[in-house]
PDB file of N, CA and C in Angstrom:
ATOM      1  N   UNK A   1      -3.679  22.614 -78.939  1.00  0.00           N
ATOM      2  CA  UNK A   1      -5.025  22.211 -79.249  1.00  0.00           C
ATOM      3  C   UNK A   1      -5.981  23.085 -78.444  1.00  0.00           C
ATOM      4  N   UNK A   2      -7.123  23.378 -79.031  1.00  0.00           N
ATOM      5  CA  UNK A   2      -8.098  24.188 -78.312  1.00  0.00           C
ATOM      6  C   UNK A   2      -9.483  23.607 -78.547  1.00  0.00           C
ATOM      7  N   UNK A   3      -9.911  22.734 -77.648  1.00  0.00           N
ATOM      8  CA  UNK A   3     -11.212  22.099 -77.779  1.00  0.00           C
ATOM      9  C   UNK A   3     -12.280  23.101 -77.392  1.00  0.00           C
ATOM     10  N   UNK A   4     -13.242  23.340 -78.292  1.00  0.00           N
ATOM     11  CA  UNK A   4     -14.288  24.315 -77.998  1.00  0.00           C
ATOM     12  C   UNK A   4     -15.168  23.860 -76.837  1.00  0.00           C
ATOM     13  N   UNK A   5     -15.797  24.819 -76.200  1.00  0.00           N
ATOM     14  CA  UNK A   5     -16.725  24.496 -75.119  1.00  0.00           C
ATOM     15  C   UNK A   5     -18.017  23.938 -75.687  1.00  0.00           C
ATOM     16  N   UNK A   6     -18.647  23.081 -74.909  1.00  0.00           N
ATOM     17  CA  UNK A   6     -19.925  22.505 -75.295  1.00  0.00           C
ATOM     18  C   UNK A   6     -20.679  22.136 -74.034  1.00  0.00           C
ATOM     19  N   UNK A   7     -21.939  22.470 -73.996  1.00  0.00           N
ATOM     20  CA  UNK A   7     -22.766  22.084 -72.853  1.00  0.00           C
ATOM     21  C   UNK A   7     -23.983  21.305 -73.309  1.00  0.00           C
ATOM     22  N   UNK A   8     -23.975  20.845 -74.548  1.00  0.00           N
ATOM     23  CA  UNK A   8     -25.143  20.172 -75.082  1.00  0.00           C
ATOM     24  C   UNK A   8     -25.246  18.750 -74.544  1.00  0.00           C
ATOM     25  N   UNK A   9     -24.312  17.890 -74.846  1.00  0.00           N
ATOM     26  CA  UNK A   9     -24.365  16.485 -74.437  1.00  0.00           C
ATOM     27  C   UNK A   9     -23.361  16.170 -73.332  1.00  0.00           C
ATOM     28  N   UNK A  10     -22.458  17.083 -73.081  1.00  0.00           N
ATOM     29  CA  UNK A  10     -21.431  16.841 -72.073  1.00  0.00           C
ATOM     30  C   UNK A  10     -20.981  18.169 -71.493  1.00  0.00           C
ATOM     31  N   UNK A  11     -20.271  18.088 -70.411  1.00  0.00           N
ATOM     32  CA  UNK A  11     -19.781  19.283 -69.736  1.00  0.00           C
ATOM     33  C   UNK A  11     -18.262  19.341 -69.909  1.00  0.00           C
ATOM     34  N   UNK A  12     -17.836  20.034 -70.965  1.00  0.00           N
ATOM     35  CA  UNK A  12     -16.411  20.137 -71.272  1.00  0.00           C
ATOM     36  C   UNK A  12     -15.657  20.807 -70.121  1.00  0.00           C
ATOM     37  N   UNK A  13     -16.276  21.803 -69.512  1.00  0.00           N
ATOM     38  CA  UNK A  13     -15.599  22.491 -68.404  1.00  0.00           C
ATOM     39  C   UNK A  13     -15.344  21.542 -67.243  1.00  0.00           C
ATOM     40  N   UNK A  14     -16.278  20.639 -66.971  1.00  0.00           N
ATOM     41  CA  UNK A  14     -16.067  19.630 -65.929  1.00  0.00           C
ATOM     42  C   UNK A  14     -14.906  18.708 -66.309  1.00  0.00           C
ATOM     43  N   UNK A  15     -14.866  18.305 -67.577  1.00  0.00           N
ATOM     44  CA  UNK A  15     -13.747  17.463 -68.040  1.00  0.00           C
ATOM     45  C   UNK A  15     -12.420  18.180 -67.857  1.00  0.00           C
ATOM     46  N   UNK A  16     -12.382  19.432 -68.264  1.00  0.00           N
ATOM     47  CA  UNK A  16     -11.137  20.202 -68.133  1.00  0.00           C
ATOM     48  C   UNK A  16     -10.692  20.270 -66.675  1.00  0.00           C
ATOM     49  N   UNK A  17     -11.634  20.522 -65.792  1.00  0.00           N
ATOM     50  CA  UNK A  17     -11.308  20.622 -64.371  1.00  0.00           C
ATOM     51  C   UNK A  17     -10.768  19.295 -63.848  1.00  0.00           C
ATOM     52  N   UNK A  18     -11.449  18.201 -64.181  1.00  0.00           N
ATOM     53  CA  UNK A  18     -11.031  16.886 -63.686  1.00  0.00           C
ATOM     54  C   UNK A  18      -9.722  16.421 -64.293  1.00  0.00           C
ATOM     55  N   UNK A  19      -9.453  16.822 -65.531  1.00  0.00           N
ATOM     56  CA  UNK A  19      -8.273  16.333 -66.243  1.00  0.00           C
ATOM     57  C   UNK A  19      -7.161  17.373 -66.323  1.00  0.00           C
ATOM     58  N   UNK A  20      -7.233  18.383 -65.477  1.00  0.00           N
ATOM     59  CA  UNK A  20      -6.151  19.364 -65.407  1.00  0.00           C
ATOM     60  C   UNK A  20      -5.955  20.152 -66.689  1.00  0.00           C
ATOM     61  N   UNK A  21      -7.042  20.459 -67.381  1.00  0.00           N
ATOM     62  CA  UNK A  21      -6.985  21.230 -68.636  1.00  0.00           C
ATOM     63  C   UNK A  21      -6.118  20.576 -69.705  1.00  0.00           C
ATOM     64  N   UNK A  22      -5.973  19.262 -69.643  1.00  0.00           N
ATOM     65  CA  UNK A  22      -5.147  18.533 -70.606  1.00  0.00           C
ATOM     66  C   UNK A  22      -5.990  18.231 -71.851  1.00  0.00           C
ATOM     67  N   UNK A  23      -5.976  19.170 -72.787  1.00  0.00           N
ATOM     68  CA  UNK A  23      -6.818  19.035 -73.974  1.00  0.00           C
ATOM     69  C   UNK A  23      -6.385  17.882 -74.868  1.00  0.00           C
ATOM     70  N   UNK A  24      -5.116  17.538 -74.857  1.00  0.00           N
ATOM     71  CA  UNK A  24      -4.656  16.384 -75.630  1.00  0.00           C
ATOM     72  C   UNK A  24      -5.294  15.108 -75.072  1.00  0.00           C
ATOM     73  N   UNK A  25      -5.346  14.989 -73.749  1.00  0.00           N
ATOM     74  CA  UNK A  25      -5.988  13.836 -73.123  1.00  0.00           C
ATOM     75  C   UNK A  25      -7.488  13.822 -73.407  1.00  0.00           C
ATOM     76  N   UNK A  26      -8.111  14.980 -73.362  1.00  0.00           N
ATOM     77  CA  UNK A  26      -9.542  15.064 -73.669  1.00  0.00           C
ATOM     78  C   UNK A  26      -9.795  14.578 -75.088  1.00  0.00           C
ATOM     79  N   UNK A  27      -8.984  15.002 -76.027  1.00  0.00           N
ATOM     80  CA  UNK A  27      -9.141  14.565 -77.424  1.00  0.00           C
ATOM     81  C   UNK A  27      -8.954  13.055 -77.536  1.00  0.00           C
ATOM     82  N   UNK A  28      -7.994  12.498 -76.796  1.00  0.00           N
ATOM     83  CA  UNK A  28      -7.791  11.041 -76.802  1.00  0.00           C
ATOM     84  C   UNK A  28      -9.038  10.336 -76.285  1.00  0.00           C
ATOM     85  N   UNK A  29      -9.626  10.843 -75.206  1.00  0.00           N
ATOM     86  CA  UNK A  29     -10.843  10.233 -74.661  1.00  0.00           C
ATOM     87  C   UNK A  29     -11.999  10.318 -75.649  1.00  0.00           C
ATOM     88  N   UNK A  30     -12.119  11.439 -76.343  1.00  0.00           N
ATOM     89  CA  UNK A  30     -13.151  11.565 -77.383  1.00  0.00           C
ATOM     90  C   UNK A  30     -12.958  10.473 -78.440  1.00  0.00           C
ATOM     91  N   UNK A  31     -11.736  10.373 -78.941  1.00  0.00           N
ATOM     92  CA  UNK A  31     -11.450   9.411 -80.017  1.00  0.00           C
ATOM     93  C   UNK A  31     -11.657   7.968 -79.547  1.00  0.00           C
ATOM     94  N   UNK A  32     -11.282   7.685 -78.312  1.00  0.00           N
ATOM     95  CA  UNK A  32     -11.461   6.330 -77.779  1.00  0.00           C
ATOM     96  C   UNK A  32     -12.943   5.988 -77.672  1.00  0.00           C
ATOM     97  N   UNK A  33     -13.746   6.925 -77.206  1.00  0.00           N
ATOM     98  CA  UNK A  33     -15.181   6.678 -77.119  1.00  0.00           C
ATOM     99  C   UNK A  33     -15.740   6.406 -78.518  1.00  0.00           C
ATOM    100  N   UNK A  34     -15.356   7.224 -79.487  1.00  0.00           N
ATOM    101  CA  UNK A  34     -15.840   7.046 -80.860  1.00  0.00           C
ATOM    102  C   UNK A  34     -15.398   5.704 -81.443  1.00  0.00           C
ATOM    103  N   UNK A  35     -14.246   5.259 -81.059  1.00  0.00           N
ATOM    104  CA  UNK A  35     -13.733   3.971 -81.547  1.00  0.00           C
ATOM    105  C   UNK A  35     -14.517   2.804 -80.949  1.00  0.00           C
ATOM    106  N   UNK A  36     -14.929   2.933 -79.684  1.00  0.00           N
ATOM    107  CA  UNK A  36     -15.498   1.803 -78.946  1.00  0.00           C
ATOM    108  C   UNK A  36     -17.023   1.760 -78.846  1.00  0.00           C
ATOM    109  N   UNK A  37     -17.694   2.887 -79.056  1.00  0.00           N
ATOM    110  CA  UNK A  37     -19.116   2.941 -78.699  1.00  0.00           C
ATOM    111  C   UNK A  37     -19.982   1.958 -79.483  1.00  0.00           C
ATOM    112  N   UNK A  38     -19.710   1.751 -80.760  1.00  0.00           N
ATOM    113  CA  UNK A  38     -20.571   0.884 -81.576  1.00  0.00           C
ATOM    114  C   UNK A  38     -20.527  -0.559 -81.077  1.00  0.00           C
ATOM    115  N   UNK A  39     -19.342  -1.050 -80.770  1.00  0.00           N
ATOM    116  CA  UNK A  39     -19.219  -2.418 -80.249  1.00  0.00           C
ATOM    117  C   UNK A  39     -19.884  -2.539 -78.886  1.00  0.00           C
ATOM    118  N   UNK A  40     -19.741  -1.504 -78.056  1.00  0.00           N
ATOM    119  CA  UNK A  40     -20.364  -1.529 -76.726  1.00  0.00           C
ATOM    120  C   UNK A  40     -21.889  -1.541 -76.857  1.00  0.00           C
ATOM    121  N   UNK A  41     -22.432  -0.706 -77.746  1.00  0.00           N
ATOM    122  CA  UNK A  41     -23.890  -0.705 -77.952  1.00  0.00           C
ATOM    123  C   UNK A  41     -24.375  -2.045 -78.490  1.00  0.00           C
ATOM    124  N   UNK A  42     -23.593  -2.634 -79.382  1.00  0.00           N
ATOM    125  CA  UNK A  42     -23.979  -3.938 -79.933  1.00  0.00           C
ATOM    126  C   UNK A  42     -23.999  -5.001 -78.840  1.00  0.00           C
ATOM    127  N   UNK A  43     -23.033  -4.969 -77.948  1.00  0.00           N
ATOM    128  CA  UNK A  43     -23.004  -5.911 -76.822  1.00  0.00           C
ATOM    129  C   UNK A  43     -24.205  -5.711 -75.907  1.00  0.00           C
ATOM    130  N   UNK A  44     -24.553  -4.452 -75.662  1.00  0.00           N
ATOM    131  CA  UNK A  44     -25.726  -4.165 -74.832  1.00  0.00           C
ATOM    132  C   UNK A  44     -26.991  -4.652 -75.522  1.00  0.00           C
ATOM    133  N   UNK A  45     -27.101  -4.392 -76.815  1.00  0.00           N
ATOM    134  CA  UNK A  45     -28.275  -4.833 -77.576  1.00  0.00           C
ATOM    135  C   UNK A  45     -28.420  -6.347 -77.515  1.00  0.00           C
ATOM    136  N   UNK A  46     -27.320  -7.045 -77.695  1.00  0.00           N
ATOM    137  CA  UNK A  46     -27.349  -8.504 -77.638  1.00  0.00           C
ATOM    138  C   UNK A  46     -27.802  -8.984 -76.260  1.00  0.00           C
ATOM    139  N   UNK A  47     -27.312  -8.353 -75.217  1.00  0.00           N
ATOM    140  CA  UNK A  47     -27.710  -8.727 -73.855  1.00  0.00           C
ATOM    141  C   UNK A  47     -29.189  -8.427 -73.615  1.00  0.00           C
ATOM    142  N   UNK A  48     -29.663  -7.294 -74.120  1.00  0.00           N
ATOM    143  CA  UNK A  48     -31.084  -6.950 -73.991  1.00  0.00           C
ATOM    144  C   UNK A  48     -31.933  -7.983 -74.717  1.00  0.00           C
ATOM    145  N   UNK A  49     -31.585  -8.263 -75.977  1.00  0.00           N
ATOM    146  CA  UNK A  49     -32.376  -9.203 -76.777  1.00  0.00           C
ATOM    147  C   UNK A  49     -32.391 -10.600 -76.174  1.00  0.00           C
ATOM    148  N   UNK A  50     -31.279 -11.010 -75.597  1.00  0.00           N
ATOM    149  CA  UNK A  50     -31.193 -12.333 -74.990  1.00  0.00           C
ATOM    150  C   UNK A  50     -31.612 -12.355 -73.532  1.00  0.00           C
ATOM    151  N   UNK A  51     -31.951 -11.178 -73.011  1.00  0.00           N
ATOM    152  CA  UNK A  51     -32.332 -11.041 -71.591  1.00  0.00           C
ATOM    153  C   UNK A  51     -31.273 -11.660 -70.670  1.00  0.00           C
ATOM    154  N   UNK A  52     -30.005 -11.425 -71.056  1.00  0.00           N
ATOM    155  CA  UNK A  52     -28.877 -11.857 -70.241  1.00  0.00           C
ATOM    156  C   UNK A  52     -28.536 -10.717 -69.287  1.00  0.00           C
ATOM    157  N   UNK A  53     -29.140 -10.747 -68.124  1.00  0.00           N
ATOM    158  CA  UNK A  53     -29.085  -9.611 -67.212  1.00  0.00           C
ATOM    159  C   UNK A  53     -27.701  -9.352 -66.651  1.00  0.00           C
ATOM    160  N   UNK A  54     -26.924 -10.395 -66.390  1.00  0.00           N
ATOM    161  CA  UNK A  54     -25.558 -10.177 -65.899  1.00  0.00           C
ATOM    162  C   UNK A  54     -24.718  -9.465 -66.953  1.00  0.00           C
ATOM    163  N   UNK A  55     -24.840  -9.903 -68.204  1.00  0.00           N
ATOM    164  CA  UNK A  55     -24.115  -9.252 -69.299  1.00  0.00           C
ATOM    165  C   UNK A  55     -24.605  -7.819 -69.474  1.00  0.00           C
ATOM    166  N   UNK A  56     -25.914  -7.634 -69.398  1.00  0.00           N
ATOM    167  CA  UNK A  56     -26.495  -6.300 -69.555  1.00  0.00           C
ATOM    168  C   UNK A  56     -25.982  -5.363 -68.463  1.00  0.00           C
ATOM    169  N   UNK A  57     -25.987  -5.830 -67.257  1.00  0.00           N
ATOM    170  CA  UNK A  57     -25.509  -5.024 -66.131  1.00  0.00           C
ATOM    171  C   UNK A  57     -24.049  -4.618 -66.344  1.00  0.00           C
ATOM    172  N   UNK A  58     -23.219  -5.570 -66.719  1.00  0.00           N
ATOM    173  CA  UNK A  58     -21.789  -5.311 -66.924  1.00  0.00           C
ATOM    174  C   UNK A  58     -21.559  -4.337 -68.087  1.00  0.00           C
ATOM    175  N   UNK A  59     -22.214  -4.574 -69.198  1.00  0.00           N
ATOM    176  CA  UNK A  59     -22.019  -3.731 -70.384  1.00  0.00           C
ATOM    177  C   UNK A  59     -22.550  -2.312 -70.157  1.00  0.00           C
ATOM    178  N   UNK A  60     -23.702  -2.199 -69.513  1.00  0.00           N
ATOM    179  CA  UNK A  60     -24.251  -0.873 -69.218  1.00  0.00           C
ATOM    180  C   UNK A  60     -23.332  -0.128 -68.251  1.00  0.00           C
ATOM    181  N   UNK A  61     -22.766  -0.857 -67.304  1.00  0.00           N
ATOM    182  CA  UNK A  61     -21.843  -0.249 -66.346  1.00  0.00           C
ATOM    183  C   UNK A  61     -20.600   0.286 -67.065  1.00  0.00           C
ATOM    184  N   UNK A  62     -20.089  -0.468 -68.021  1.00  0.00           N
ATOM    185  CA  UNK A  62     -18.908  -0.015 -68.766  1.00  0.00           C
ATOM    186  C   UNK A  62     -19.235   1.221 -69.608  1.00  0.00           C
ATOM    187  N   UNK A  63     -20.429   1.231 -70.226  1.00  0.00           N
ATOM    188  CA  UNK A  63     -20.837   2.407 -71.003  1.00  0.00           C
ATOM    189  C   UNK A  63     -20.962   3.613 -70.082  1.00  0.00           C
ATOM    190  N   UNK A  64     -21.519   3.397 -68.902  1.00  0.00           N
ATOM    191  CA  UNK A  64     -21.658   4.483 -67.930  1.00  0.00           C
ATOM    192  C   UNK A  64     -20.283   5.039 -67.548  1.00  0.00           C
ATOM    193  N   UNK A  65     -19.334   4.167 -67.316  1.00  0.00           N
ATOM    194  CA  UNK A  65     -17.989   4.608 -66.970  1.00  0.00           C
ATOM    195  C   UNK A  65     -17.323   5.378 -68.091  1.00  0.00           C
ATOM    196  N   UNK A  66     -17.447   4.885 -69.304  1.00  0.00           N
ATOM    197  CA  UNK A  66     -16.858   5.580 -70.456  1.00  0.00           C
ATOM    198  C   UNK A  66     -17.467   6.965 -70.620  1.00  0.00           C
ATOM    199  N   UNK A  67     -18.776   7.059 -70.458  1.00  0.00           N
ATOM    200  CA  UNK A  67     -19.452   8.347 -70.587  1.00  0.00           C
ATOM    201  C   UNK A  67     -19.099   9.273 -69.429  1.00  0.00           C
ATOM    202  N   UNK A  68     -18.888   8.703 -68.253  1.00  0.00           N
ATOM    203  CA  UNK A  68     -18.486   9.515 -67.099  1.00  0.00           C
ATOM    204  C   UNK A  68     -17.156  10.206 -67.366  1.00  0.00           C
ATOM    205  N   UNK A  69     -16.243   9.507 -68.025  1.00  0.00           N
ATOM    206  CA  UNK A  69     -14.954  10.113 -68.368  1.00  0.00           C
ATOM    207  C   UNK A  69     -15.128  11.362 -69.223  1.00  0.00           C
ATOM    208  N   UNK A  70     -16.213  11.394 -70.004  1.00  0.00           N
ATOM    209  CA  UNK A  70     -16.489  12.523 -70.895  1.00  0.00           C
ATOM    210  C   UNK A  70     -17.415  13.554 -70.258  1.00  0.00           C
ATOM    211  N   UNK A  71     -17.825  13.317 -69.023  1.00  0.00           N
ATOM    212  CA  UNK A  71     -18.833  14.171 -68.376  1.00  0.00           C
ATOM    213  C   UNK A  71     -20.080  14.264 -69.255  1.00  0.00           C
ATOM    214  N   UNK A  72     -20.428  13.138 -69.868  1.00  0.00           N
ATOM    215  CA  UNK A  72     -21.597  13.042 -70.753  1.00  0.00           C
ATOM    216  C   UNK A  72     -22.772  12.504 -69.938  1.00  0.00           C
ATOM    217  N   UNK A  73     -23.410  13.415 -69.226  1.00  0.00           N
ATOM    218  CA  UNK A  73     -24.354  13.012 -68.197  1.00  0.00           C
ATOM    219  C   UNK A  73     -25.640  12.385 -68.743  1.00  0.00           C
ATOM    220  N   UNK A  74     -26.051  12.711 -69.960  1.00  0.00           N
ATOM    221  CA  UNK A  74     -27.221  12.064 -70.548  1.00  0.00           C
ATOM    222  C   UNK A  74     -26.986  10.581 -70.772  1.00  0.00           C
ATOM    223  N   UNK A  75     -25.816  10.237 -71.291  1.00  0.00           N
ATOM    224  CA  UNK A  75     -25.469   8.834 -71.502  1.00  0.00           C
ATOM    225  C   UNK A  75     -25.274   8.141 -70.156  1.00  0.00           C
ATOM    226  N   UNK A  76     -24.635   8.833 -69.220  1.00  0.00           N
ATOM    227  CA  UNK A  76     -24.432   8.255 -67.886  1.00  0.00           C
ATOM    228  C   UNK A  76     -25.781   7.888 -67.270  1.00  0.00           C
ATOM    229  N   UNK A  77     -26.730   8.801 -67.312  1.00  0.00           N
ATOM    230  CA  UNK A  77     -28.044   8.545 -66.721  1.00  0.00           C
ATOM    231  C   UNK A  77     -28.776   7.409 -67.427  1.00  0.00           C
ATOM    232  N   UNK A  78     -28.720   7.381 -68.752  1.00  0.00           N
ATOM    233  CA  UNK A  78     -29.406   6.333 -69.505  1.00  0.00           C
ATOM    234  C   UNK A  78     -28.775   4.965 -69.241  1.00  0.00           C
ATOM    235  N   UNK A  79     -27.453   4.907 -69.207  1.00  0.00           N
ATOM    236  CA  UNK A  79     -26.766   3.639 -68.931  1.00  0.00           C
ATOM    237  C   UNK A  79     -27.020   3.190 -67.496  1.00  0.00           C
ATOM    238  N   UNK A  80     -27.041   4.142 -66.561  1.00  0.00           N
ATOM    239  CA  UNK A  80     -27.318   3.807 -65.161  1.00  0.00           C
ATOM    240  C   UNK A  80     -28.725   3.247 -65.000  1.00  0.00           C
ATOM    241  N   UNK A  81     -29.694   3.810 -65.706  1.00  0.00           N
ATOM    242  CA  UNK A  81     -31.068   3.313 -65.633  1.00  0.00           C
ATOM    243  C   UNK A  81     -31.152   1.887 -66.161  1.00  0.00           C
ATOM    244  N   UNK A  82     -30.423   1.602 -67.232  1.00  0.00           N
ATOM    245  CA  UNK A  82     -30.399   0.255 -67.795  1.00  0.00           C
ATOM    246  C   UNK A  82     -29.710  -0.716 -66.840  1.00  0.00           C
ATOM    247  N   UNK A  83     -28.616  -0.284 -66.255  1.00  0.00           N
ATOM    248  CA  UNK A  83     -27.908  -1.100 -65.277  1.00  0.00           C
ATOM    249  C   UNK A  83     -28.806  -1.389 -64.067  1.00  0.00           C
ATOM    250  N   UNK A  84     -29.490  -0.381 -63.577  1.00  0.00           N
ATOM    251  CA  UNK A  84     -30.401  -0.560 -62.440  1.00  0.00           C
ATOM    252  C   UNK A  84     -31.540  -1.512 -62.776  1.00  0.00           C
ATOM    253  N   UNK A  85     -32.063  -1.403 -63.991  1.00  0.00           N
ATOM    254  CA  UNK A  85     -33.137  -2.300 -64.409  1.00  0.00           C
ATOM    255  C   UNK A  85     -32.651  -3.747 -64.420  1.00  0.00           C
ATOM    256  N   UNK A  86     -31.448  -3.956 -64.914  1.00  0.00           N
ATOM    257  CA  UNK A  86     -30.876  -5.315 -64.913  1.00  0.00           C
ATOM    258  C   UNK A  86     -30.708  -5.816 -63.484  1.00  0.00           C
ATOM    259  N   UNK A  87     -30.293  -4.931 -62.584  1.00  0.00           N
ATOM    260  CA  UNK A  87     -30.154  -5.300 -61.165  1.00  0.00           C
ATOM    261  C   UNK A  87     -31.484  -5.734 -60.559  1.00  0.00           C
ATOM    262  N   UNK A  88     -32.556  -5.104 -61.024  1.00  0.00           N
ATOM    263  CA  UNK A  88     -33.892  -5.413 -60.498  1.00  0.00           C
ATOM    264  C   UNK A  88     -34.563  -6.583 -61.214  1.00  0.00           C
ATOM    265  N   UNK A  89     -33.867  -7.209 -62.145  1.00  0.00           N
ATOM    266  CA  UNK A  89     -34.431  -8.365 -62.828  1.00  0.00           C
ATOM    267  C   UNK A  89     -34.964  -8.088 -64.212  1.00  0.00           C
ATOM    268  N   UNK A  90     -34.658  -6.932 -64.743  1.00  0.00           N
ATOM    269  CA  UNK A  90     -35.076  -6.599 -66.105  1.00  0.00           C
ATOM    270  C   UNK A  90     -36.546  -6.311 -66.178  1.00  0.00           C
ATOM    271  N   UNK A  91     -37.162  -6.755 -67.230  1.00  0.00           N
ATOM    272  CA  UNK A  91     -38.579  -6.514 -67.411  1.00  0.00           C
ATOM    273  C   UNK A  91     -38.831  -5.775 -68.706  1.00  0.00           C
ATOM    274  N   UNK A  92     -40.070  -5.353 -68.854  1.00  0.00           N
ATOM    275  CA  UNK A  92     -40.485  -4.705 -70.092  1.00  0.00           C
ATOM    276  C   UNK A  92     -39.773  -3.382 -70.333  1.00  0.00           C
ATOM    277  N   UNK A  93     -39.317  -2.737 -69.271  1.00  0.00           N
ATOM    278  CA  UNK A  93     -38.680  -1.433 -69.452  1.00  0.00           C
ATOM    279  C   UNK A  93     -37.285  -1.517 -70.062  1.00  0.00           C
ATOM    280  N   UNK A  94     -36.700  -2.694 -70.118  1.00  0.00           N
ATOM    281  CA  UNK A  94     -35.337  -2.832 -70.650  1.00  0.00           C
ATOM    282  C   UNK A  94     -35.271  -2.362 -72.104  1.00  0.00           C
ATOM    283  N   UNK A  95     -36.244  -2.727 -72.912  1.00  0.00           N
ATOM    284  CA  UNK A  95     -36.229  -2.309 -74.323  1.00  0.00           C
ATOM    285  C   UNK A  95     -36.336  -0.790 -74.443  1.00  0.00           C
ATOM    286  N   UNK A  96     -37.218  -0.200 -73.668  1.00  0.00           N
ATOM    287  CA  UNK A  96     -37.394   1.247 -73.688  1.00  0.00           C
ATOM    288  C   UNK A  96     -36.127   1.949 -73.204  1.00  0.00           C
ATOM    289  N   UNK A  97     -35.532   1.436 -72.149  1.00  0.00           N
ATOM    290  CA  UNK A  97     -34.310   2.038 -71.615  1.00  0.00           C
ATOM    291  C   UNK A  97     -33.145   1.915 -72.588  1.00  0.00           C
ATOM    292  N   UNK A  98     -33.082   0.784 -73.294  1.00  0.00           N
ATOM    293  CA  UNK A  98     -32.030   0.624 -74.297  1.00  0.00           C
ATOM    294  C   UNK A  98     -32.234   1.632 -75.434  1.00  0.00           C
ATOM    295  N   UNK A  99     -33.465   1.807 -75.867  1.00  0.00           N
ATOM    296  CA  UNK A  99     -33.748   2.774 -76.936  1.00  0.00           C
ATOM    297  C   UNK A  99     -33.331   4.186 -76.513  1.00  0.00           C
ATOM    298  N   UNK A 100     -33.583   4.537 -75.260  1.00  0.00           N
ATOM    299  CA  UNK A 100     -33.167   5.852 -74.757  1.00  0.00           C
ATOM    300  C   UNK A 100     -31.642   5.973 -74.749  1.00  0.00           C
ATOM    301  N   UNK A 101     -30.961   4.911 -74.341  1.00  0.00           N
ATOM    302  CA  UNK A 101     -29.503   4.921 -74.348  1.00  0.00           C
ATOM    303  C   UNK A 101     -28.976   5.137 -75.758  1.00  0.00           C
ATOM    304  N   UNK A 102     -29.548   4.452 -76.724  1.00  0.00           N
ATOM    305  CA  UNK A 102     -29.103   4.595 -78.119  1.00  0.00           C
ATOM    306  C   UNK A 102     -29.240   6.049 -78.571  1.00  0.00           C
ATOM    307  N   UNK A 103     -30.359   6.680 -78.283  1.00  0.00           N
ATOM    308  CA  UNK A 103     -30.564   8.080 -78.667  1.00  0.00           C
ATOM    309  C   UNK A 103     -29.511   8.971 -78.011  1.00  0.00           C
ATOM    310  N   UNK A 104     -29.285   8.782 -76.722  1.00  0.00           N
ATOM    311  CA  UNK A 104     -28.295   9.595 -76.008  1.00  0.00           C
ATOM    312  C   UNK A 104     -26.898   9.409 -76.592  1.00  0.00           C
ATOM    313  N   UNK A 105     -26.539   8.160 -76.864  1.00  0.00           N
ATOM    314  CA  UNK A 105     -25.207   7.882 -77.418  1.00  0.00           C
ATOM    315  C   UNK A 105     -25.075   8.494 -78.809  1.00  0.00           C
ATOM    316  N   UNK A 106     -26.097   8.342 -79.643  1.00  0.00           N
ATOM    317  CA  UNK A 106     -26.031   8.898 -81.002  1.00  0.00           C
ATOM    318  C   UNK A 106     -25.869  10.414 -80.968  1.00  0.00           C
ATOM    319  N   UNK A 107     -26.565  11.073 -80.062  1.00  0.00           N
ATOM    320  CA  UNK A 107     -26.430  12.530 -79.953  1.00  0.00           C
ATOM    321  C   UNK A 107     -25.038  12.909 -79.470  1.00  0.00           C
ATOM    322  N   UNK A 108     -24.512  12.154 -78.529  1.00  0.00           N
ATOM    323  CA  UNK A 108     -23.160  12.406 -78.039  1.00  0.00           C
ATOM    324  C   UNK A 108     -22.136  12.203 -79.147  1.00  0.00           C
ATOM    325  N   UNK A 109     -22.277  11.128 -79.904  1.00  0.00           N
ATOM    326  CA  UNK A 109     -21.345  10.831 -80.999  1.00  0.00           C
ATOM    327  C   UNK A 109     -21.343  11.970 -82.015  1.00  0.00           C
ATOM    328  N   UNK A 110     -22.516  12.468 -82.358  1.00  0.00           N
ATOM    329  CA  UNK A 110     -22.609  13.590 -83.293  1.00  0.00           C
ATOM    330  C   UNK A 110     -21.848  14.799 -82.754  1.00  0.00           C
ATOM    331  N   UNK A 111     -22.031  15.069 -81.468  1.00  0.00           N
ATOM    332  CA  UNK A 111     -21.333  16.204 -80.880  1.00  0.00           C
ATOM    333  C   UNK A 111     -19.820  15.984 -80.834  1.00  0.00           C
ATOM    334  N   UNK A 112     -19.403  14.793 -80.436  1.00  0.00           N
ATOM    335  CA  UNK A 112     -17.964  14.510 -80.386  1.00  0.00           C
ATOM    336  C   UNK A 112     -17.316  14.674 -81.755  1.00  0.00           C
ATOM    337  N   UNK A 113     -17.959  14.152 -82.771  1.00  0.00           N
ATOM    338  CA  UNK A 113     -17.404  14.269 -84.129  1.00  0.00           C
ATOM    339  C   UNK A 113     -17.316  15.721 -84.544  1.00  0.00           C
ATOM    340  N   UNK A 114     -18.329  16.507 -84.191  1.00  0.00           N
ATOM    341  CA  UNK A 114     -18.296  17.935 -84.504  1.00  0.00           C
ATOM    342  C   UNK A 114     -17.171  18.655 -83.780  1.00  0.00           C
ATOM    343  N   UNK A 115     -16.985  18.345 -82.519  1.00  0.00           N
ATOM    344  CA  UNK A 115     -15.908  18.968 -81.747  1.00  0.00           C
ATOM    345  C   UNK A 115     -14.545  18.592 -82.306  1.00  0.00           C
ATOM    346  N   UNK A 116     -14.353  17.330 -82.617  1.00  0.00           N
ATOM    347  CA  UNK A 116     -13.066  16.889 -83.164  1.00  0.00           C
ATOM    348  C   UNK A 116     -12.823  17.492 -84.541  1.00  0.00           C
ATOM    349  N   UNK A 117     -13.904  17.692 -85.287  1.00  0.00           N
ATOM    350  CA  UNK A 117     -13.775  18.282 -86.614  1.00  0.00           C
ATOM    351  C   UNK A 117     -13.323  19.733 -86.591  1.00  0.00           C
ATOM    352  N   UNK A 118     -13.479  20.388 -85.440  1.00  0.00           N
ATOM    353  CA  UNK A 118     -13.076  21.792 -85.320  1.00  0.00           C
ATOM    354  C   UNK A 118     -11.674  21.942 -84.752  1.00  0.00           C
ATOM    355  N   UNK A 119     -11.023  20.842 -84.463  1.00  0.00           N
ATOM    356  CA  UNK A 119      -9.656  20.936 -83.895  1.00  0.00           C
ATOM    357  C   UNK A 119      -8.649  21.231 -84.989  1.00  0.00           C
TER     358      UNK A 119
END
């Protein structure tokens, strides 16, 4: 397998370094993220809408971890901001931060699908 390089939404070279150039594992992580992201976003949305801050904190933290595995720093930063907001008691910025997370995730998903399509 030869996963192409990409620096748009994630740092493939960082992933390769951390995962010992195991491209099969990288592809598995891509596919797992694509399998799980919609349910994770839906859980975050539900927590945002219900202002359930403990749930929001937990779900944003899990999204941050999943994105960290991919070296997808835009999603990591957006999820971290949402998690931090929940830690601080939420507020009006939660909706804006969730919208930013959705954009980051959608862009990452597009890139992941493109990368997998070239394998």
